[in-house]
Amino acid sequence: MIAFGRDICNDLGSAEKREWLVTNGIGGFASGTIAGSLT
């Protein structure tokens, strides 16, 4: 697990530039930004 500090999470511009991605191995996936914006 990767953790981001308050300095990144409290800055909307920085938080929107960082994305997460989760795959299930059979073609499905979910993604978004650490700010909660959908991608």
N, C-alpha and C. Protein backbone atom coordinates (compact mmCIF):
# COMPACT_ATOMS: atom_id res chain seq x y z
N MET A 1 0.83 -1.16 0.00
CA MET A 1 0.00 0.00 0.00
C MET A 1 0.89 1.24 0.00
N ILE A 2 0.54 2.21 -0.80
CA ILE A 2 1.26 3.47 -0.87
C ILE A 2 0.48 4.51 -0.06
N ALA A 3 1.17 5.25 0.77
CA ALA A 3 0.52 6.29 1.58
C ALA A 3 1.00 7.66 1.14
N PHE A 4 0.09 8.60 1.07
CA PHE A 4 0.43 9.98 0.73
C PHE A 4 0.18 10.85 1.95
N GLY A 5 1.05 11.81 2.17
CA GLY A 5 0.94 12.69 3.33
C GLY A 5 -0.12 13.76 3.16
N ARG A 6 -0.34 14.50 4.23
CA ARG A 6 -1.34 15.57 4.22
C ARG A 6 -1.01 16.66 3.22
N ASP A 7 0.29 16.91 2.99
CA ASP A 7 0.66 17.97 2.07
C ASP A 7 0.14 17.71 0.67
N ILE A 8 0.09 16.45 0.24
CA ILE A 8 -0.43 16.10 -1.08
C ILE A 8 -1.95 15.98 -1.04
N CYS A 9 -2.48 15.33 -0.03
CA CYS A 9 -3.93 15.11 0.04
C CYS A 9 -4.71 16.40 0.27
N ASN A 10 -4.12 17.38 0.93
CA ASN A 10 -4.81 18.64 1.17
C ASN A 10 -4.74 19.60 -0.01
N ASP A 11 -3.88 19.31 -0.99
CA ASP A 11 -3.74 20.15 -2.18
C ASP A 11 -4.47 19.47 -3.33
N LEU A 12 -5.62 20.03 -3.74
CA LEU A 12 -6.45 19.39 -4.76
C LEU A 12 -5.70 19.18 -6.06
N GLY A 13 -4.92 20.15 -6.50
CA GLY A 13 -4.16 20.01 -7.74
C GLY A 13 -3.18 18.85 -7.70
N SER A 14 -2.47 18.70 -6.60
CA SER A 14 -1.52 17.59 -6.45
C SER A 14 -2.24 16.26 -6.34
N ALA A 15 -3.34 16.24 -5.60
CA ALA A 15 -4.08 14.99 -5.39
C ALA A 15 -4.74 14.51 -6.68
N GLU A 16 -5.17 15.43 -7.55
CA GLU A 16 -5.79 15.03 -8.81
C GLU A 16 -4.77 14.51 -9.82
N LYS A 17 -3.50 14.81 -9.64
CA LYS A 17 -2.45 14.35 -10.56
C LYS A 17 -2.01 12.92 -10.24
N ARG A 18 -2.40 12.39 -9.09
CA ARG A 18 -1.99 11.05 -8.67
C ARG A 18 -3.18 10.11 -8.76
N GLU A 19 -2.98 9.03 -9.51
CA GLU A 19 -4.07 8.09 -9.76
C GLU A 19 -3.77 6.72 -9.17
N TRP A 20 -4.83 5.95 -8.95
CA TRP A 20 -4.71 4.56 -8.51
C TRP A 20 -5.42 3.68 -9.54
N LEU A 21 -5.01 2.42 -9.61
CA LEU A 21 -5.59 1.44 -10.53
C LEU A 21 -5.59 0.08 -9.86
N VAL A 22 -6.73 -0.61 -9.90
CA VAL A 22 -6.86 -1.96 -9.36
C VAL A 22 -7.42 -2.84 -10.47
N THR A 23 -6.79 -3.98 -10.72
CA THR A 23 -7.27 -4.92 -11.74
C THR A 23 -7.65 -6.24 -11.07
N ASN A 24 -8.52 -7.01 -11.77
CA ASN A 24 -8.93 -8.29 -11.20
C ASN A 24 -8.33 -9.49 -11.93
N GLY A 25 -7.49 -9.24 -12.93
CA GLY A 25 -6.81 -10.33 -13.63
C GLY A 25 -7.60 -10.95 -14.77
N ILE A 26 -8.87 -10.58 -14.94
CA ILE A 26 -9.67 -11.13 -16.05
C ILE A 26 -10.27 -10.03 -16.92
N GLY A 27 -9.66 -8.85 -16.85
CA GLY A 27 -10.08 -7.75 -17.72
C GLY A 27 -10.83 -6.62 -17.04
N GLY A 28 -11.25 -6.83 -15.81
CA GLY A 28 -11.96 -5.76 -15.11
C GLY A 28 -10.99 -4.86 -14.36
N PHE A 29 -11.39 -3.62 -14.18
CA PHE A 29 -10.53 -2.70 -13.44
C PHE A 29 -11.34 -1.56 -12.83
N ALA A 30 -10.72 -0.88 -11.90
CA ALA A 30 -11.27 0.34 -11.30
C ALA A 30 -10.12 1.32 -11.18
N SER A 31 -10.42 2.61 -11.33
CA SER A 31 -9.37 3.62 -11.21
C SER A 31 -9.96 4.93 -10.74
N GLY A 32 -9.11 5.80 -10.29
CA GLY A 32 -9.52 7.13 -9.84
C GLY A 32 -8.31 7.90 -9.37
N THR A 33 -8.55 9.08 -8.85
CA THR A 33 -7.46 9.88 -8.30
C THR A 33 -7.54 9.80 -6.78
N ILE A 34 -6.46 10.16 -6.11
CA ILE A 34 -6.50 10.13 -4.65
C ILE A 34 -7.38 11.24 -4.10
N ALA A 35 -7.76 12.20 -4.97
CA ALA A 35 -8.70 13.25 -4.56
C ALA A 35 -10.14 12.76 -4.62
N GLY A 36 -10.36 11.60 -5.24
CA GLY A 36 -11.71 11.06 -5.36
C GLY A 36 -12.36 11.32 -6.70
N SER A 37 -11.66 12.01 -7.60
CA SER A 37 -12.19 12.26 -8.94
C SER A 37 -12.14 10.98 -9.76
N LEU A 38 -13.18 10.72 -10.53
CA LEU A 38 -13.18 9.54 -11.39
C LEU A 38 -12.39 9.81 -12.65
N THR A 39 -11.72 8.77 -13.16
CA THR A 39 -10.94 8.92 -14.38
C THR A 39 -11.49 8.06 -15.48
